[in-house]
Amino acid sequence: MLLLPWAGYAALARRLEPIPFLMLALYGAVPIALVAGTGRTGSPFDSLTRTGLAIAALWLPVELGLLHGPMLPLGALGALNGTPLLALDVGLLIFVVTAPVLDLGFTFAFSRRDFGSAAAALLLFAAFAIPLGLGIGFIHFHPRPFQPLPWLVRAISVYFLIAIPEELLFRGLLQNLLEKRWPGGGRRLGSLAVAAAVFGAAHLDNPPIPNVRYAVLATLAGLAYGWCWQRTRKVTASALTHGAVDVVWHLIF
């Protein structure tokens, strides 16, 4: 059912190619099959192996660029790759609807504490990351002219197509899983550090490979996002920090 609107859109745009469409179908089927049946009997976190494989099946095809979904038109502003949106749909179908994960926090019912935590995480990250990024030459101060519509489109697209999918994966699933299965004490700090390190390592494949500078800054960002998620227990709140970081980076640095 998730594929029907994609197929209809692609057909109307005369871009319905069978191989990419079959790849998208297979992409959705694998993680769903891995957690099938866990919704009624318990959390998918009860099976560490199956959950780990399901997370990998959601993440790696997108990370490695194996999927080519329809491009969503934005008129004069260009187009957006629809693959991350489909990946988010599959992740929500599995871990919010079919086999709900405790403390995932996919909700847009924000409190003042949530906004405060997201803002605090942004400021803490900026205090360390901006001087470090400028010092190692990864970022350069180069603000773009303020244009309300492009900035708004950028913010919305980053939040829904980048921030929420990545927060669902790295905080709602990975950090959450580590925290619940961490042996002994120190689970909050340990799970935060490991999830942030994995998040940082996931950016090594950005050109020039290996992009160590990007990985270091992404690890720091992962600590900020993970801290926000721990305080709010909402991936949508940590995604506010994540989205704000990406927008500031793209439009100011």
C-alpha atoms as a PDB file:
ATOM      1  CA  MET A   1       0.000   0.000   0.000  1.00  0.00           C
ATOM      2  CA  LEU A   2       2.914   2.370   0.692  1.00  0.00           C
ATOM      3  CA  LEU A   3       4.139   1.853  -2.861  1.00  0.00           C
ATOM      4  CA  LEU A   4       0.809   2.654  -4.547  1.00  0.00           C
ATOM      5  CA  PRO A   5       1.056   6.473  -4.342  1.00  0.00           C
ATOM      6  CA  TRP A   6       4.700   6.304  -5.441  1.00  0.00           C
ATOM      7  CA  ALA A   7       3.782   4.139  -8.410  1.00  0.00           C
ATOM      8  CA  GLY A   8       0.881   6.414  -9.341  1.00  0.00           C
ATOM      9  CA  TYR A   9       3.035   9.520  -9.151  1.00  0.00           C
ATOM     10  CA  ALA A  10       5.840   7.908 -11.168  1.00  0.00           C
ATOM     11  CA  ALA A  11       3.351   6.748 -13.813  1.00  0.00           C
ATOM     12  CA  LEU A  12       1.845  10.237 -14.172  1.00  0.00           C
ATOM     13  CA  ALA A  13       5.341  11.706 -14.436  1.00  0.00           C
ATOM     14  CA  ARG A  14       6.225   8.998 -16.999  1.00  0.00           C
ATOM     15  CA  ARG A  15       9.064   7.782 -14.772  1.00  0.00           C
ATOM     16  CA  LEU A  16       7.721   4.374 -13.770  1.00  0.00           C
ATOM     17  CA  GLU A  17      10.790   2.171 -14.258  1.00  0.00           C
ATOM     18  CA  PRO A  18      10.357  -1.480 -13.184  1.00  0.00           C
ATOM     19  CA  ILE A  19      13.796  -2.168 -11.690  1.00  0.00           C
ATOM     20  CA  PRO A  20      13.904   0.821  -9.273  1.00  0.00           C
ATOM     21  CA  PHE A  21      10.285   0.113  -8.318  1.00  0.00           C
ATOM     22  CA  LEU A  22      11.067  -3.545  -7.537  1.00  0.00           C
ATOM     23  CA  MET A  23      14.087  -2.423  -5.512  1.00  0.00           C
ATOM     24  CA  LEU A  24      11.816  -0.183  -3.430  1.00  0.00           C
ATOM     25  CA  ALA A  25       9.386  -3.068  -2.910  1.00  0.00           C
ATOM     26  CA  LEU A  26      12.199  -5.371  -1.765  1.00  0.00           C
ATOM     27  CA  TYR A  27      13.582  -2.622   0.475  1.00  0.00           C
ATOM     28  CA  GLY A  28      10.269  -2.389   2.317  1.00  0.00           C
ATOM     29  CA  ALA A  29       9.695  -6.142   2.529  1.00  0.00           C
ATOM     30  CA  VAL A  30      12.980  -7.131   4.206  1.00  0.00           C
ATOM     31  CA  PRO A  31      12.779  -5.156   7.484  1.00  0.00           C
ATOM     32  CA  ILE A  32       9.043  -5.824   7.746  1.00  0.00           C
ATOM     33  CA  ALA A  33       9.709  -9.569   7.498  1.00  0.00           C
ATOM     34  CA  LEU A  34      12.449  -9.358  10.136  1.00  0.00           C
ATOM     35  CA  VAL A  35      10.123  -7.953  12.805  1.00  0.00           C
ATOM     36  CA  ALA A  36       6.946  -9.728  11.648  1.00  0.00           C
ATOM     37  CA  GLY A  37       4.946 -11.094  14.555  1.00  0.00           C
ATOM     38  CA  THR A  38       6.635  -9.080  17.306  1.00  0.00           C
ATOM     39  CA  GLY A  39       3.827  -6.540  17.565  1.00  0.00           C
ATOM     40  CA  ARG A  40       1.479  -8.870  19.455  1.00  0.00           C
ATOM     41  CA  THR A  41       4.024 -10.863  21.448  1.00  0.00           C
ATOM     42  CA  GLY A  42       6.311  -8.060  22.627  1.00  0.00           C
ATOM     43  CA  SER A  43       8.723  -5.353  21.628  1.00  0.00           C
ATOM     44  CA  PRO A  44      10.990  -5.920  18.632  1.00  0.00           C
ATOM     45  CA  PHE A  45      13.805  -5.130  21.071  1.00  0.00           C
ATOM     46  CA  ASP A  46      13.199  -8.578  22.606  1.00  0.00           C
ATOM     47  CA  SER A  47      15.181 -10.046  19.693  1.00  0.00           C
ATOM     48  CA  LEU A  48      18.471  -8.206  19.452  1.00  0.00           C
ATOM     49  CA  THR A  49      19.605  -9.956  16.259  1.00  0.00           C
ATOM     50  CA  ARG A  50      16.388  -9.441  14.330  1.00  0.00           C
ATOM     51  CA  THR A  51      16.122  -5.823  15.432  1.00  0.00           C
ATOM     52  CA  GLY A  52      19.740  -5.134  14.487  1.00  0.00           C
ATOM     53  CA  LEU A  53      19.205  -6.677  11.061  1.00  0.00           C
ATOM     54  CA  ALA A  54      15.985  -4.702  10.583  1.00  0.00           C
ATOM     55  CA  ILE A  55      17.779  -1.450  11.470  1.00  0.00           C
ATOM     56  CA  ALA A  56      20.583  -2.315   9.039  1.00  0.00           C
ATOM     57  CA  ALA A  57      18.037  -3.176   6.332  1.00  0.00           C
ATOM     58  CA  LEU A  58      16.409   0.233   6.799  1.00  0.00           C
ATOM     59  CA  TRP A  59      19.641   2.201   6.913  1.00  0.00           C
ATOM     60  CA  LEU A  60      22.246   0.643   4.614  1.00  0.00           C
ATOM     61  CA  PRO A  61      20.369   0.696   1.264  1.00  0.00           C
ATOM     62  CA  VAL A  62      19.733   4.431   1.713  1.00  0.00           C
ATOM     63  CA  GLU A  63      23.241   5.106   3.056  1.00  0.00           C
ATOM     64  CA  LEU A  64      24.877   3.258   0.147  1.00  0.00           C
ATOM     65  CA  GLY A  65      22.670   4.926  -2.472  1.00  0.00           C
ATOM     66  CA  LEU A  66      21.131   1.660  -3.689  1.00  0.00           C
ATOM     67  CA  LEU A  67      17.612   3.097  -3.951  1.00  0.00           C
ATOM     68  CA  HIS A  68      16.323   5.597  -6.480  1.00  0.00           C
ATOM     69  CA  GLY A  69      12.846   6.782  -5.575  1.00  0.00           C
ATOM     70  CA  PRO A  70      10.726   9.339  -7.413  1.00  0.00           C
ATOM     71  CA  MET A  71      11.863  12.960  -7.365  1.00  0.00           C
ATOM     72  CA  LEU A  72       9.268  15.201  -5.732  1.00  0.00           C
ATOM     73  CA  PRO A  73       8.795  18.444  -7.696  1.00  0.00           C
ATOM     74  CA  LEU A  74       9.278  21.836  -6.059  1.00  0.00           C
ATOM     75  CA  GLY A  75       8.668  23.978  -9.132  1.00  0.00           C
ATOM     76  CA  ALA A  76      11.296  26.669  -9.569  1.00  0.00           C
ATOM     77  CA  LEU A  77      13.034  25.449  -6.393  1.00  0.00           C
ATOM     78  CA  GLY A  78      14.046  22.164  -8.028  1.00  0.00           C
ATOM     79  CA  ALA A  79      13.229  18.680  -6.769  1.00  0.00           C
ATOM     80  CA  LEU A  80      13.675  16.469  -3.725  1.00  0.00           C
ATOM     81  CA  ASN A  81      14.615  12.810  -3.666  1.00  0.00           C
ATOM     82  CA  GLY A  82      11.608  10.939  -2.289  1.00  0.00           C
ATOM     83  CA  THR A  83      13.603   7.908  -1.090  1.00  0.00           C
ATOM     84  CA  PRO A  84      14.193   9.211   2.476  1.00  0.00           C
ATOM     85  CA  LEU A  85      10.455   9.838   2.825  1.00  0.00           C
ATOM     86  CA  LEU A  86       9.697   6.249   1.803  1.00  0.00           C
ATOM     87  CA  ALA A  87      12.350   5.018   4.252  1.00  0.00           C
ATOM     88  CA  LEU A  88      10.686   7.055   6.996  1.00  0.00           C
ATOM     89  CA  ASP A  89       7.292   5.595   6.046  1.00  0.00           C
ATOM     90  CA  VAL A  90       8.640   2.044   6.318  1.00  0.00           C
ATOM     91  CA  GLY A  91      10.312   2.783   9.653  1.00  0.00           C
ATOM     92  CA  LEU A  92       7.128   4.299  11.088  1.00  0.00           C
ATOM     93  CA  LEU A  93       5.035   1.421   9.766  1.00  0.00           C
ATOM     94  CA  ILE A  94       7.275  -1.074  11.561  1.00  0.00           C
ATOM     95  CA  PHE A  95       8.300   0.609  14.795  1.00  0.00           C
ATOM     96  CA  VAL A  96       5.329   2.889  15.494  1.00  0.00           C
ATOM     97  CA  VAL A  97       2.331   0.994  14.080  1.00  0.00           C
ATOM     98  CA  THR A  98       3.078  -2.726  13.718  1.00  0.00           C
ATOM     99  CA  ALA A  99       5.626  -3.416  16.461  1.00  0.00           C
ATOM    100  CA  PRO A 100       5.675  -0.271  18.619  1.00  0.00           C
ATOM    101  CA  VAL A 101       8.959   0.561  20.335  1.00  0.00           C
ATOM    102  CA  LEU A 102       8.773   1.968  23.857  1.00  0.00           C
ATOM    103  CA  ASP A 103      10.246   5.486  24.222  1.00  0.00           C
ATOM    104  CA  LEU A 104      10.626   6.007  20.478  1.00  0.00           C
ATOM    105  CA  GLY A 105       8.797   9.293  20.861  1.00  0.00           C
ATOM    106  CA  PHE A 106       7.271   9.925  17.453  1.00  0.00           C
ATOM    107  CA  THR A 107       4.884  12.688  18.471  1.00  0.00           C
ATOM    108  CA  PHE A 108       4.429  16.331  17.610  1.00  0.00           C
ATOM    109  CA  ALA A 109       2.851  17.175  20.982  1.00  0.00           C
ATOM    110  CA  PHE A 110       5.704  19.395  22.149  1.00  0.00           C
ATOM    111  CA  SER A 111       6.011  21.008  25.559  1.00  0.00           C
ATOM    112  CA  ARG A 112       8.043  24.034  26.534  1.00  0.00           C
ATOM    113  CA  ARG A 113      10.596  21.639  28.031  1.00  0.00           C
ATOM    114  CA  ASP A 114      10.964  19.946  24.631  1.00  0.00           C
ATOM    115  CA  PHE A 115      11.627  23.236  22.848  1.00  0.00           C
ATOM    116  CA  GLY A 116      13.969  24.301  25.625  1.00  0.00           C
ATOM    117  CA  SER A 117      15.936  21.059  25.439  1.00  0.00           C
ATOM    118  CA  ALA A 118      16.210  21.294  21.654  1.00  0.00           C
ATOM    119  CA  ALA A 119      17.419  24.896  21.882  1.00  0.00           C
ATOM    120  CA  ALA A 120      19.902  24.071  24.659  1.00  0.00           C
ATOM    121  CA  ALA A 121      21.321  21.173  22.635  1.00  0.00           C
ATOM    122  CA  LEU A 122      21.695  23.467  19.616  1.00  0.00           C
ATOM    123  CA  LEU A 123      23.540  26.133  21.619  1.00  0.00           C
ATOM    124  CA  LEU A 124      25.820  23.611  23.339  1.00  0.00           C
ATOM    125  CA  PHE A 125      26.721  22.003  20.035  1.00  0.00           C
ATOM    126  CA  ALA A 126      27.302  25.371  18.354  1.00  0.00           C
ATOM    127  CA  ALA A 127      29.575  26.506  21.194  1.00  0.00           C
ATOM    128  CA  PHE A 128      31.967  23.619  20.462  1.00  0.00           C
ATOM    129  CA  ALA A 129      31.346  22.813  16.804  1.00  0.00           C
ATOM    130  CA  ILE A 130      31.591  26.266  15.229  1.00  0.00           C
ATOM    131  CA  PRO A 131      35.065  27.108  16.616  1.00  0.00           C
ATOM    132  CA  LEU A 132      36.254  23.561  15.899  1.00  0.00           C
ATOM    133  CA  GLY A 133      34.763  23.499  12.399  1.00  0.00           C
ATOM    134  CA  LEU A 134      36.301  26.860  11.518  1.00  0.00           C
ATOM    135  CA  GLY A 135      39.635  25.827  13.036  1.00  0.00           C
ATOM    136  CA  ILE A 136      39.952  22.622  11.028  1.00  0.00           C
ATOM    137  CA  GLY A 137      38.654  24.253   7.858  1.00  0.00           C
ATOM    138  CA  PHE A 138      35.505  22.146   7.563  1.00  0.00           C
ATOM    139  CA  ILE A 139      33.150  25.126   7.587  1.00  0.00           C
ATOM    140  CA  HIS A 140      33.569  28.727   6.443  1.00  0.00           C
ATOM    141  CA  PHE A 141      31.381  31.705   7.255  1.00  0.00           C
ATOM    142  CA  HIS A 142      29.503  32.390   4.024  1.00  0.00           C
ATOM    143  CA  PRO A 143      25.865  33.405   4.629  1.00  0.00           C
ATOM    144  CA  ARG A 144      23.422  33.240   1.765  1.00  0.00           C
ATOM    145  CA  PRO A 145      20.981  36.100   1.115  1.00  0.00           C
ATOM    146  CA  PHE A 146      17.845  35.789   3.217  1.00  0.00           C
ATOM    147  CA  GLN A 147      14.953  34.657   1.023  1.00  0.00           C
ATOM    148  CA  PRO A 148      11.938  33.597   3.120  1.00  0.00           C
ATOM    149  CA  LEU A 149      10.457  30.967   0.778  1.00  0.00           C
ATOM    150  CA  PRO A 150      13.684  29.051  -0.021  1.00  0.00           C
ATOM    151  CA  TRP A 151      14.716  29.157   3.646  1.00  0.00           C
ATOM    152  CA  LEU A 152      11.291  27.851   4.706  1.00  0.00           C
ATOM    153  CA  VAL A 153      11.333  25.087   2.069  1.00  0.00           C
ATOM    154  CA  ARG A 154      14.859  24.140   3.127  1.00  0.00           C
ATOM    155  CA  ALA A 155      13.867  23.990   6.802  1.00  0.00           C
ATOM    156  CA  ILE A 156      10.760  21.867   6.205  1.00  0.00           C
ATOM    157  CA  SER A 157      12.500  19.474   3.793  1.00  0.00           C
ATOM    158  CA  VAL A 158      15.514  19.052   6.097  1.00  0.00           C
ATOM    159  CA  TYR A 159      13.290  18.372   9.105  1.00  0.00           C
ATOM    160  CA  PHE A 160      11.095  15.747   7.457  1.00  0.00           C
ATOM    161  CA  LEU A 161      13.499  14.188   4.920  1.00  0.00           C
ATOM    162  CA  ILE A 162      16.762  14.235   6.904  1.00  0.00           C
ATOM    163  CA  ALA A 163      16.346  15.036  10.596  1.00  0.00           C
ATOM    164  CA  ILE A 164      13.365  12.850  11.514  1.00  0.00           C
ATOM    165  CA  PRO A 165      14.504   9.755   9.529  1.00  0.00           C
ATOM    166  CA  GLU A 166      18.008   9.931  11.016  1.00  0.00           C
ATOM    167  CA  GLU A 167      16.737  10.597  14.539  1.00  0.00           C
ATOM    168  CA  LEU A 168      14.285   7.703  14.232  1.00  0.00           C
ATOM    169  CA  LEU A 169      17.187   5.447  13.273  1.00  0.00           C
ATOM    170  CA  PHE A 170      20.063   6.611  15.452  1.00  0.00           C
ATOM    171  CA  ARG A 171      18.254   7.794  18.583  1.00  0.00           C
ATOM    172  CA  GLY A 172      14.810   6.170  18.602  1.00  0.00           C
ATOM    173  CA  LEU A 173      16.137   2.756  17.568  1.00  0.00           C
ATOM    174  CA  LEU A 174      19.913   2.446  18.005  1.00  0.00           C
ATOM    175  CA  GLN A 175      20.473   4.529  21.143  1.00  0.00           C
ATOM    176  CA  ASN A 176      17.187   3.294  22.596  1.00  0.00           C
ATOM    177  CA  LEU A 177      18.195  -0.332  21.960  1.00  0.00           C
ATOM    178  CA  LEU A 178      21.643   0.154  23.491  1.00  0.00           C
ATOM    179  CA  GLU A 179      20.183   1.865  26.541  1.00  0.00           C
ATOM    180  CA  LYS A 180      17.683  -0.919  27.179  1.00  0.00           C
ATOM    181  CA  ARG A 181      20.204  -3.728  26.637  1.00  0.00           C
ATOM    182  CA  TRP A 182      23.272  -2.081  28.248  1.00  0.00           C
ATOM    183  CA  PRO A 183      24.822  -4.354  30.921  1.00  0.00           C
ATOM    184  CA  GLY A 184      25.308  -2.953  34.410  1.00  0.00           C
ATOM    185  CA  GLY A 185      25.353   0.773  35.196  1.00  0.00           C
ATOM    186  CA  GLY A 186      26.168   3.753  33.045  1.00  0.00           C
ATOM    187  CA  ARG A 187      23.631   2.825  30.399  1.00  0.00           C
ATOM    188  CA  ARG A 188      22.562   6.388  29.610  1.00  0.00           C
ATOM    189  CA  LEU A 189      26.106   7.672  29.140  1.00  0.00           C
ATOM    190  CA  GLY A 190      27.338   4.518  27.394  1.00  0.00           C
ATOM    191  CA  SER A 191      24.437   4.297  24.959  1.00  0.00           C
ATOM    192  CA  LEU A 192      24.749   8.033  24.220  1.00  0.00           C
ATOM    193  CA  ALA A 193      28.472   7.746  23.459  1.00  0.00           C
ATOM    194  CA  VAL A 194      28.215   4.613  21.289  1.00  0.00           C
ATOM    195  CA  ALA A 195      25.221   5.868  19.268  1.00  0.00           C
ATOM    196  CA  ALA A 196      26.984   9.200  18.690  1.00  0.00           C
ATOM    197  CA  ALA A 197      30.157   7.402  17.555  1.00  0.00           C
ATOM    198  CA  VAL A 198      28.170   5.254  15.119  1.00  0.00           C
ATOM    199  CA  PHE A 199      26.390   8.363  13.836  1.00  0.00           C
ATOM    200  CA  GLY A 200      29.751  10.037  13.312  1.00  0.00           C
ATOM    201  CA  ALA A 201      31.223   7.007  11.546  1.00  0.00           C
ATOM    202  CA  ALA A 202      28.230   6.974   9.186  1.00  0.00           C
ATOM    203  CA  HIS A 203      29.538  10.261   7.755  1.00  0.00           C
ATOM    204  CA  LEU A 204      32.979   8.928   6.849  1.00  0.00           C
ATOM    205  CA  ASP A 205      31.766   7.994   3.362  1.00  0.00           C
ATOM    206  CA  ASN A 206      31.132  11.628   2.413  1.00  0.00           C
ATOM    207  CA  PRO A 207      33.730  12.953  -0.059  1.00  0.00           C
ATOM    208  CA  PRO A 208      36.637  13.124   0.356  1.00  0.00           C
ATOM    209  CA  ILE A 209      36.575   9.553   1.680  1.00  0.00           C
ATOM    210  CA  PRO A 210      37.289   9.000   4.547  1.00  0.00           C
ATOM    211  CA  ASN A 211      35.945  12.356   5.685  1.00  0.00           C
ATOM    212  CA  VAL A 212      37.390  12.349   9.200  1.00  0.00           C
ATOM    213  CA  ARG A 213      36.588  16.010   9.881  1.00  0.00           C
ATOM    214  CA  TYR A 214      32.927  15.447   9.037  1.00  0.00           C
ATOM    215  CA  ALA A 215      32.849  12.325  11.228  1.00  0.00           C
ATOM    216  CA  VAL A 216      34.297  14.200  14.222  1.00  0.00           C
ATOM    217  CA  LEU A 217      31.762  17.012  13.978  1.00  0.00           C
ATOM    218  CA  ALA A 218      28.931  14.538  13.352  1.00  0.00           C
ATOM    219  CA  THR A 219      29.944  12.648  16.510  1.00  0.00           C
ATOM    220  CA  LEU A 220      29.688  15.880  18.500  1.00  0.00           C
ATOM    221  CA  ALA A 221      26.307  16.511  16.883  1.00  0.00           C
ATOM    222  CA  GLY A 222      25.234  12.978  17.801  1.00  0.00           C
ATOM    223  CA  LEU A 223      26.032  13.712  21.447  1.00  0.00           C
ATOM    224  CA  ALA A 224      23.842  16.831  21.310  1.00  0.00           C
ATOM    225  CA  TYR A 225      20.961  15.070  19.549  1.00  0.00           C
ATOM    226  CA  GLY A 226      21.204  12.051  21.844  1.00  0.00           C
ATOM    227  CA  TRP A 227      21.215  14.236  24.946  1.00  0.00           C
ATOM    228  CA  CYS A 228      18.075  16.011  23.702  1.00  0.00           C
ATOM    229  CA  TRP A 229      16.377  12.667  23.036  1.00  0.00           C
ATOM    230  CA  GLN A 230      17.272  11.386  26.499  1.00  0.00           C
ATOM    231  CA  ARG A 231      15.742  14.489  28.120  1.00  0.00           C
ATOM    232  CA  THR A 232      12.569  14.537  26.022  1.00  0.00           C
ATOM    233  CA  ARG A 233      12.144  10.920  24.880  1.00  0.00           C
ATOM    234  CA  LYS A 234      10.944  12.308  21.555  1.00  0.00           C
ATOM    235  CA  VAL A 235      12.758  11.799  18.256  1.00  0.00           C
ATOM    236  CA  THR A 236      10.750  14.695  16.899  1.00  0.00           C
ATOM    237  CA  ALA A 237      12.325  16.958  19.545  1.00  0.00           C
ATOM    238  CA  SER A 238      15.903  15.860  18.887  1.00  0.00           C
ATOM    239  CA  ALA A 239      15.069  16.313  15.192  1.00  0.00           C
ATOM    240  CA  LEU A 240      14.404  20.004  15.916  1.00  0.00           C
ATOM    241  CA  THR A 241      18.050  20.366  16.971  1.00  0.00           C
ATOM    242  CA  HIS A 242      19.219  18.183  14.095  1.00  0.00           C
ATOM    243  CA  GLY A 243      17.234  20.139  11.528  1.00  0.00           C
ATOM    244  CA  ALA A 244      18.365  23.493  12.927  1.00  0.00           C
ATOM    245  CA  VAL A 245      22.024  22.431  12.738  1.00  0.00           C
ATOM    246  CA  ASP A 246      21.653  21.358   9.105  1.00  0.00           C
ATOM    247  CA  VAL A 247      19.794  24.525   8.087  1.00  0.00           C
ATOM    248  CA  VAL A 248      22.341  26.808   9.792  1.00  0.00           C
ATOM    249  CA  TRP A 249      25.173  24.872   8.142  1.00  0.00           C
ATOM    250  CA  HIS A 250      23.653  25.058   4.652  1.00  0.00           C
ATOM    251  CA  LEU A 251      22.539  28.676   4.805  1.00  0.00           C
ATOM    252  CA  ILE A 252      25.214  30.385   6.916  1.00  0.00           C
ATOM    253  CA  PHE A 253      28.355  28.244   6.668  1.00  0.00           C
END
